């Protein structure tokens, strides 16, 4: 049965605190107010059952429809990092949250901290106090905090969460850097190709005709290709648009999205980097959950919810099914096209030695560093690639367009 109470008490500063609290039985309400009842005389007034049901509807169902306050990524990372630092130094959780209010001066954040502190003072666990702000805290974050809280490793759970958030943020920065670099290259170099096809090529052909000079064979091949493109450009662009539309619509279906995802995985360089990212993130999230006491199958289920790759999710579901059918953890990875053989071998050794948690942590560090190395390598090679492409294009313009014209004008050949 559900019980709703109105409560009232005077806090340490002499102000009257009022509110409404929910409990499933009388002992639950006494437990929630245990912290306050040690110092204050709390008045509890039971609500009418009908009013209680209405209040329950308003605070649960309708609450989900309303826009929820959300922390920015920077605020979430600062909150997590500073909180685990304060807890590691021996400061109590409630006191640490009060200190956090002074570190991030934001009305929304301050109100959130006040609500979390109030929930803790009601006797609720820290993880339950964070659930009401699930738009700010990812699911794996909440699960690891809840598990870490149960085994008295809250500071460790927060530290691992911060490491995961920091790693993901660094990946976003590096990806954004690569994307911006590619965008700048396309902005400055992209218009040169259509300008050459639509403007330069026709004028150069006319100039050759006026000079009555035969066009060199290598230049003629390029000119014919450019003229063919100009003639059929509408059909070409419509065909490309149709193909892109088909791919976009296919990505909205399960079969199509899985096929496109598998195609990306099979690409030479991009596919290898993509697989490295998936393996690194998987080992990092799995280590975070498993090291904080979350059972293995439950941890894999959560990983399945976190990742968006259809191929990866399909493989994880197969792994979970194999484990439930009685297979060993390492055997469940054998037919995988994403997870490397070395990782499977390490997990197999960990099962034999009985130190799966330590091996997962080692694998997490290994593949995280490996992915970071790949991204750094790609970033290092991008600038030389852009320079080579630009030089090749300019050299091609010179030898195909301008060199024959200069030879015809100066030497008559």
Protein backbone atom coordinates (compact mmCIF):
# COMPACT_ATOMS: atom_id res chain seq x y z
CA UNK A 1 0.00 0.00 0.00
CA UNK A 2 1.17 3.57 -0.72
CA UNK A 3 1.33 6.25 1.95
CA UNK A 4 1.67 9.98 1.36
CA UNK A 5 2.49 12.35 4.23
CA UNK A 6 2.78 16.06 4.63
CA UNK A 7 5.70 16.84 6.95
CA UNK A 8 6.85 19.92 8.83
CA UNK A 9 9.89 20.57 11.03
CA UNK A 10 12.20 23.39 12.10
CA UNK A 11 15.75 23.10 10.76
CA UNK A 12 19.03 24.15 12.43
CA UNK A 13 18.71 27.75 11.19
CA UNK A 14 15.24 28.10 12.73
CA UNK A 15 13.34 27.99 9.43
CA UNK A 16 10.26 25.83 8.97
CA UNK A 17 10.66 23.11 6.35
CA UNK A 18 7.53 21.70 4.69
CA UNK A 19 6.96 19.12 2.00
CA UNK A 20 5.34 15.89 0.92
CA UNK A 21 6.99 12.48 1.18
CA UNK A 22 6.08 9.05 -0.20
CA UNK A 23 6.46 5.66 1.50
CA UNK A 24 5.22 2.13 0.85
CA UNK A 25 4.67 1.30 4.54
CA UNK A 26 4.92 2.92 7.97
CA UNK A 27 8.43 1.58 8.68
CA UNK A 28 9.67 3.13 5.43
CA UNK A 29 8.54 6.62 6.45
CA UNK A 30 10.21 6.25 9.82
CA UNK A 31 13.43 5.18 8.10
CA UNK A 32 13.34 8.16 5.73
CA UNK A 33 13.01 10.57 8.64
CA UNK A 34 15.53 8.83 10.90
CA UNK A 35 18.29 11.37 10.16
CA UNK A 36 16.03 14.36 10.91
CA UNK A 37 14.23 12.82 13.91
CA UNK A 38 17.54 12.57 15.77
CA UNK A 39 17.55 16.38 16.06
CA UNK A 40 14.09 17.63 15.14
CA UNK A 41 10.50 17.00 16.10
CA UNK A 42 8.90 16.10 12.78
CA UNK A 43 5.16 16.43 12.30
CA UNK A 44 3.74 13.82 9.92
CA UNK A 45 0.18 14.26 8.61
CA UNK A 46 -1.23 11.42 6.43
CA UNK A 47 -2.80 12.58 3.18
CA UNK A 48 -6.21 11.43 1.99
CA UNK A 49 -5.71 8.31 -0.25
CA UNK A 50 -7.39 10.02 -3.24
CA UNK A 51 -5.26 13.16 -2.85
CA UNK A 52 -2.23 10.89 -2.46
CA UNK A 53 -2.98 9.13 -5.76
CA UNK A 54 -3.43 12.49 -7.52
CA UNK A 55 -0.13 13.72 -6.07
CA UNK A 56 1.54 10.46 -7.12
CA UNK A 57 0.32 10.97 -10.71
CA UNK A 58 1.48 14.59 -10.77
CA UNK A 59 4.95 13.83 -9.36
CA UNK A 60 5.68 10.71 -11.45
CA UNK A 61 3.79 10.53 -14.76
CA UNK A 62 3.39 14.25 -15.46
CA UNK A 63 6.86 15.02 -14.10
CA UNK A 64 8.35 12.95 -16.94
CA UNK A 65 6.55 15.09 -19.53
CA UNK A 66 8.11 18.30 -18.26
CA UNK A 67 11.57 19.49 -19.40
CA UNK A 68 14.10 18.38 -16.80
CA UNK A 69 17.08 20.42 -15.60
CA UNK A 70 20.25 19.12 -17.18
CA UNK A 71 23.91 19.58 -16.36
CA UNK A 72 26.32 20.40 -19.15
CA UNK A 73 29.13 17.92 -19.86
CA UNK A 74 31.61 20.31 -18.26
CA UNK A 75 29.47 20.65 -15.10
CA UNK A 76 28.99 16.88 -14.88
CA UNK A 77 32.73 16.26 -15.17
CA UNK A 78 33.55 18.97 -12.61
CA UNK A 79 30.89 17.62 -10.24
CA UNK A 80 32.21 14.05 -10.52
CA UNK A 81 35.90 14.95 -10.25
CA UNK A 82 35.56 17.34 -7.32
CA UNK A 83 33.13 15.08 -5.45
CA UNK A 84 35.37 12.01 -5.56
CA UNK A 85 38.35 14.18 -4.53
CA UNK A 86 36.41 15.48 -1.51
CA UNK A 87 35.22 11.99 -0.55
CA UNK A 88 38.75 10.58 -0.86
CA UNK A 89 39.97 13.28 1.53
CA UNK A 90 37.54 12.01 4.17
CA UNK A 91 34.78 14.64 3.91
CA UNK A 92 31.23 13.36 4.44
CA UNK A 93 28.95 13.17 1.40
CA UNK A 94 26.46 15.85 2.52
CA UNK A 95 29.29 18.23 3.48
CA UNK A 96 31.00 17.55 0.15
CA UNK A 97 27.80 18.45 -1.72
CA UNK A 98 27.55 21.71 0.24
CA UNK A 99 31.13 22.51 -0.83
CA UNK A 100 30.23 21.66 -4.45
CA UNK A 101 27.63 24.44 -4.44
CA UNK A 102 30.39 27.01 -3.95
CA UNK A 103 32.57 25.51 -6.71
CA UNK A 104 29.98 25.76 -9.50
CA UNK A 105 28.06 29.01 -9.20
CA UNK A 106 24.95 28.29 -11.22
CA UNK A 107 21.33 28.61 -10.04
CA UNK A 108 20.27 25.40 -11.75
CA UNK A 109 23.21 23.47 -10.27
CA UNK A 110 22.68 24.96 -6.79
CA UNK A 111 19.01 23.96 -6.84
CA UNK A 112 19.95 20.46 -7.96
CA UNK A 113 22.47 20.13 -5.12
CA UNK A 114 19.88 21.37 -2.60
CA UNK A 115 17.39 18.75 -3.80
CA UNK A 116 20.00 15.97 -3.64
CA UNK A 117 21.07 17.04 -0.13
CA UNK A 118 17.43 17.16 0.96
CA UNK A 119 16.87 13.67 -0.47
CA UNK A 120 19.93 12.37 1.43
CA UNK A 121 18.66 13.93 4.65
CA UNK A 122 15.37 12.08 4.08
CA UNK A 123 17.41 8.88 4.31
CA UNK A 124 17.52 8.07 0.58
CA UNK A 125 20.71 6.57 -0.92
CA UNK A 126 22.89 8.85 -3.06
CA UNK A 127 22.14 6.85 -6.22
CA UNK A 128 18.38 7.21 -5.66
CA UNK A 129 18.86 10.95 -5.17
CA UNK A 130 20.57 11.18 -8.57
CA UNK A 131 17.89 9.17 -10.41
CA UNK A 132 15.51 12.16 -10.43
CA UNK A 133 18.10 13.89 -12.67
CA UNK A 134 18.59 10.97 -15.07
CA UNK A 135 18.82 13.42 -17.99
CA UNK A 136 22.14 14.62 -16.55
CA UNK A 137 23.58 11.32 -15.35
CA UNK A 138 24.00 8.44 -17.85
CA UNK A 139 22.54 5.05 -17.00
CA UNK A 140 25.94 3.39 -16.49
CA UNK A 141 26.90 6.29 -14.20
CA UNK A 142 23.88 5.70 -11.95
CA UNK A 143 24.32 1.91 -11.90
CA UNK A 144 28.01 2.11 -11.00
CA UNK A 145 27.30 4.69 -8.25
CA UNK A 146 24.56 2.48 -6.83
CA UNK A 147 26.82 -0.59 -6.86
CA UNK A 148 29.79 1.34 -5.46
CA UNK A 149 27.58 2.70 -2.71
CA UNK A 150 26.54 -0.81 -1.69
CA UNK A 151 30.14 -2.03 -1.30
CA UNK A 152 31.38 1.24 0.31
CA UNK A 153 33.37 2.24 -2.82
CA UNK A 154 31.49 5.38 -3.78
CA UNK A 155 34.65 7.47 -4.27
CA UNK A 156 36.18 4.77 -6.50
CA UNK A 157 32.98 4.53 -8.56
CA UNK A 158 32.92 8.32 -9.04
CA UNK A 159 36.60 8.33 -10.00
CA UNK A 160 36.05 5.64 -12.64
CA UNK A 161 33.02 7.54 -13.94
CA UNK A 162 35.11 10.70 -14.27
CA UNK A 163 37.84 8.79 -16.15
CA UNK A 164 35.22 7.44 -18.57
CA UNK A 165 33.63 10.88 -19.06
CA UNK A 166 37.04 12.49 -19.55
CA UNK A 167 38.03 9.85 -22.11
CA UNK A 168 34.79 10.30 -24.06
CA UNK A 169 35.17 14.09 -23.97
CA UNK A 170 38.74 13.86 -25.31
CA UNK A 171 37.53 11.63 -28.14
CA UNK A 172 34.86 14.20 -29.03
CA UNK A 173 37.48 16.97 -29.07
CA UNK A 174 39.83 14.96 -31.29
CA UNK A 175 36.98 13.96 -33.62
CA UNK A 176 35.84 17.58 -33.79
CA UNK A 177 39.41 18.63 -34.60
CA UNK A 178 39.62 16.10 -37.45
CA UNK A 179 36.18 17.14 -38.71
CA UNK A 180 37.07 20.85 -38.63
CA UNK A 181 40.33 20.16 -40.44
CA UNK A 182 38.51 18.21 -43.16
CA UNK A 183 35.82 20.90 -43.41
CA UNK A 184 38.40 23.67 -43.85
CA UNK A 185 40.13 21.64 -46.55
CA UNK A 186 36.82 21.13 -48.38
CA UNK A 187 35.86 24.82 -48.03
CA UNK A 188 39.12 26.06 -49.56
CA UNK A 189 39.81 23.23 -52.02
CA UNK A 190 36.32 21.98 -52.86
CA UNK A 191 35.23 24.92 -55.09
CA UNK A 192 38.34 24.52 -57.27
CA UNK A 193 37.04 21.33 -58.91
CA UNK A 194 33.64 22.69 -60.11
CA UNK A 195 35.34 25.97 -61.13
CA UNK A 196 37.82 23.99 -63.22
CA UNK A 197 35.08 21.87 -64.82
CA UNK A 198 32.51 24.60 -65.51
CA UNK A 199 34.66 27.71 -66.07
CA UNK A 200 38.26 26.89 -66.91
CA UNK A 201 37.83 23.86 -69.21
CA UNK A 202 35.45 25.49 -71.80
CA UNK A 203 37.63 28.62 -72.03
CA UNK A 204 40.82 26.59 -72.46
CA UNK A 205 39.20 24.54 -75.27
CA UNK A 206 38.12 27.78 -77.02
CA UNK A 207 41.65 29.15 -76.63
CA UNK A 208 43.16 26.05 -78.25
CA UNK A 209 40.75 26.46 -81.16
CA UNK A 210 41.71 30.12 -81.63
CA UNK A 211 45.39 29.21 -81.58
CA UNK A 212 44.66 26.37 -84.04
CA UNK A 213 46.80 24.10 -81.96
CA UNK A 214 46.01 20.40 -81.45
CA UNK A 215 45.16 19.48 -77.87
CA UNK A 216 47.63 17.00 -76.30
CA UNK A 217 46.19 13.51 -75.80
CA UNK A 218 46.44 13.56 -71.98
CA UNK A 219 44.71 16.97 -71.86
CA UNK A 220 42.05 15.81 -74.34
CA UNK A 221 41.09 12.88 -72.06
CA UNK A 222 40.54 15.27 -69.14
CA UNK A 223 38.65 17.81 -71.30
CA UNK A 224 36.35 15.11 -72.71
CA UNK A 225 35.62 13.84 -69.18
CA UNK A 226 34.84 17.40 -67.99
CA UNK A 227 32.52 18.05 -70.96
CA UNK A 228 30.77 14.71 -70.41
CA UNK A 229 30.21 15.65 -66.75
CA UNK A 230 28.78 19.07 -67.73
CA UNK A 231 26.45 17.40 -70.24
CA UNK A 232 25.07 14.83 -67.79
CA UNK A 233 25.51 16.71 -64.50
CA UNK A 234 21.76 16.80 -63.77
CA UNK A 235 21.43 13.03 -64.12
CA UNK A 236 24.60 12.48 -62.06
CA UNK A 237 23.45 14.72 -59.20
CA UNK A 238 19.93 13.23 -59.21
CA UNK A 239 21.42 9.72 -59.11
CA UNK A 240 23.71 10.66 -56.21
CA UNK A 241 20.78 12.24 -54.36
CA UNK A 242 18.70 9.11 -54.95
CA UNK A 243 21.49 6.85 -53.62
CA UNK A 244 21.96 9.05 -50.53
CA UNK A 245 18.19 9.06 -49.91
CA UNK A 246 18.10 5.25 -50.19
CA UNK A 247 20.99 4.94 -47.72
CA UNK A 248 19.35 7.36 -45.26
CA UNK A 249 16.00 5.56 -45.46
CA UNK A 250 17.74 2.18 -45.16
CA UNK A 251 19.55 3.35 -42.02
CA UNK A 252 16.13 3.85 -40.40
CA UNK A 253 15.37 0.12 -40.73
CA UNK A 254 17.01 -2.63 -38.67
CA UNK A 255 18.32 -4.58 -41.66
CA UNK A 256 19.54 -1.48 -43.48
CA UNK A 257 21.27 0.09 -40.47
CA UNK A 258 23.00 -3.22 -39.72
CA UNK A 259 24.17 -3.53 -43.34
CA UNK A 260 25.51 0.07 -43.40
CA UNK A 261 27.20 -0.45 -40.03
CA UNK A 262 28.85 -3.65 -41.26
CA UNK A 263 29.98 -1.80 -44.40
CA UNK A 264 31.66 0.87 -42.24
CA UNK A 265 33.37 -1.84 -40.17
CA UNK A 266 34.77 -3.46 -43.35
CA UNK A 267 36.33 -0.20 -44.62
CA UNK A 268 40.17 -0.32 -44.65
CA UNK A 269 41.23 2.50 -42.26
CA UNK A 270 37.99 3.97 -40.92
CA UNK A 271 36.62 0.51 -40.09
CA UNK A 272 39.72 -0.43 -38.10
CA UNK A 273 39.60 2.81 -36.08
CA UNK A 274 35.85 2.36 -35.54
CA UNK A 275 36.35 -1.19 -34.21
CA UNK A 276 39.15 0.04 -31.95
CA UNK A 277 36.83 2.69 -30.51
CA UNK A 278 34.04 0.17 -29.88
CA UNK A 279 36.38 -2.29 -28.15
CA UNK A 280 38.00 0.47 -26.06
CA UNK A 281 34.64 1.88 -24.93
CA UNK A 282 33.24 -1.60 -24.25
CA UNK A 283 36.17 -2.65 -22.05
CA UNK A 284 36.09 0.70 -20.22
CA UNK A 285 32.33 0.58 -19.48
CA UNK A 286 32.42 -3.14 -18.61
CA UNK A 287 35.34 -2.56 -16.22
CA UNK A 288 33.49 0.36 -14.61
CA UNK A 289 30.37 -1.73 -13.95
CA UNK A 290 31.99 -5.07 -13.11
CA UNK A 291 34.57 -3.59 -10.71
CA UNK A 292 31.75 -1.89 -8.77
CA UNK A 293 29.93 -5.14 -8.10
CA UNK A 294 27.47 -5.26 -11.01
CA UNK A 295 27.01 -8.92 -12.14
CA UNK A 296 28.59 -9.84 -15.47
CA UNK A 297 25.37 -10.49 -17.42
CA UNK A 298 23.77 -7.32 -16.03
CA UNK A 299 26.92 -5.37 -17.05
CA UNK A 300 26.72 -6.78 -20.58
CA UNK A 301 23.01 -5.91 -20.76
CA UNK A 302 23.83 -2.31 -19.83
CA UNK A 303 26.60 -2.20 -22.46
CA UNK A 304 24.05 -3.41 -24.99
CA UNK A 305 21.81 -0.45 -24.07
CA UNK A 306 24.65 2.08 -24.23
CA UNK A 307 26.06 1.26 -27.68
CA UNK A 308 24.20 2.29 -30.84
CA UNK A 309 26.06 0.11 -33.36
CA UNK A 310 23.60 -2.56 -34.66
CA UNK A 311 26.41 -5.04 -35.41
CA UNK A 312 27.96 -4.54 -31.97
CA UNK A 313 24.59 -4.87 -30.21
CA UNK A 314 23.84 -8.03 -32.18
CA UNK A 315 27.16 -9.55 -31.11
CA UNK A 316 26.59 -8.56 -27.48
CA UNK A 317 23.14 -10.17 -27.49
CA UNK A 318 24.68 -13.37 -28.86
CA UNK A 319 27.40 -13.26 -26.16
CA UNK A 320 24.78 -12.81 -23.41
CA UNK A 321 22.73 -15.68 -24.88
CA UNK A 322 25.80 -17.96 -24.94
CA UNK A 323 26.65 -17.14 -21.31
CA UNK A 324 23.08 -17.82 -20.19
CA UNK A 325 23.16 -21.16 -22.03
CA UNK A 326 26.16 -22.21 -19.94
CA UNK A 327 29.17 -21.25 -22.07
CA UNK A 328 32.23 -19.59 -20.54
CA UNK A 329 32.69 -15.83 -20.97
CA UNK A 330 35.69 -16.27 -23.28
CA UNK A 331 33.95 -18.95 -25.41
CA UNK A 332 31.07 -16.57 -26.07
CA UNK A 333 33.42 -14.23 -28.01
CA UNK A 334 34.84 -16.87 -30.37
CA UNK A 335 32.71 -16.06 -33.47
CA UNK A 336 33.00 -12.29 -33.05
CA UNK A 337 34.03 -10.08 -35.98
CA UNK A 338 34.71 -7.04 -33.76
CA UNK A 339 36.53 -8.27 -30.67
CA UNK A 340 40.22 -9.12 -31.32
CA UNK A 341 41.66 -12.58 -30.68
CA UNK A 342 44.14 -11.18 -28.14
CA UNK A 343 41.29 -9.87 -25.98
CA UNK A 344 39.53 -13.27 -26.07
CA UNK A 345 42.81 -14.98 -25.08
CA UNK A 346 43.30 -12.56 -22.15
CA UNK A 347 39.74 -13.19 -20.91
CA UNK A 348 40.32 -16.94 -21.20
CA UNK A 349 43.50 -16.65 -19.08
CA UNK A 350 41.64 -14.47 -16.56
CA UNK A 351 38.90 -17.10 -16.18
CA UNK A 352 41.54 -19.77 -15.61
CA UNK A 353 43.45 -17.66 -13.06
CA UNK A 354 40.31 -16.21 -11.41
CA UNK A 355 41.24 -12.52 -11.83
CA UNK A 356 38.74 -11.34 -14.45
CA UNK A 357 38.36 -7.88 -12.88
CA UNK A 358 42.12 -7.13 -13.08
CA UNK A 359 42.37 -8.44 -16.64
CA UNK A 360 39.41 -6.31 -17.73
CA UNK A 361 41.09 -3.27 -16.21
CA UNK A 362 44.32 -4.08 -18.08
CA UNK A 363 42.41 -4.58 -21.33
CA UNK A 364 40.61 -1.29 -20.78
CA UNK A 365 43.92 0.59 -20.44
CA UNK A 366 45.45 -1.28 -23.39
CA UNK A 367 42.66 -0.59 -25.88
CA UNK A 368 42.11 2.97 -24.62
CA UNK A 369 45.78 3.77 -25.27
CA UNK A 370 45.65 1.92 -28.59
CA UNK A 371 42.68 3.95 -29.80
CA UNK A 372 44.33 7.19 -28.62
CA UNK A 373 47.43 6.21 -30.61
CA UNK A 374 45.36 5.60 -33.77
CA UNK A 375 43.62 8.98 -33.47
CA UNK A 376 46.95 10.78 -32.91
CA UNK A 377 48.43 8.97 -35.90
CA UNK A 378 45.46 9.90 -38.09
CA UNK A 379 45.66 13.54 -36.96
CA UNK A 380 49.40 13.59 -37.72
CA UNK A 381 48.90 12.21 -41.23
CA UNK A 382 46.00 14.48 -42.19
CA UNK A 383 48.03 17.64 -42.84
CA UNK A 384 50.58 15.91 -45.13
CA UNK A 385 47.68 14.22 -46.98
CA UNK A 386 45.99 17.59 -47.52
CA UNK A 387 49.26 19.10 -48.77
CA UNK A 388 49.88 16.18 -51.17
CA UNK A 389 46.31 16.37 -52.53
CA UNK A 390 46.55 20.14 -53.03
CA UNK A 391 49.97 19.85 -54.69
CA UNK A 392 48.71 17.04 -56.97
CA UNK A 393 45.69 19.12 -58.02
CA UNK A 394 47.78 22.23 -58.74
CA UNK A 395 50.41 20.18 -60.60
CA UNK A 396 47.63 18.54 -62.65
CA UNK A 397 46.20 21.96 -63.55
CA UNK A 398 49.62 23.13 -64.67
CA UNK A 399 50.53 20.13 -66.85
CA UNK A 400 47.04 19.55 -68.30
CA UNK A 401 45.83 23.14 -68.79
CA UNK A 402 48.54 25.79 -68.64
CA UNK A 403 51.67 24.05 -69.91
CA UNK A 404 50.15 23.15 -73.34
CA UNK A 405 48.84 26.73 -73.72
CA UNK A 406 52.21 28.28 -72.82
CA UNK A 407 53.97 25.92 -75.25
CA UNK A 408 51.53 26.83 -78.02
CA UNK A 409 51.86 30.60 -77.42
CA UNK A 410 55.65 30.72 -76.97
CA UNK A 411 56.88 27.97 -79.25
CA UNK A 412 53.90 27.32 -81.53
CA UNK A 413 53.62 23.69 -80.50
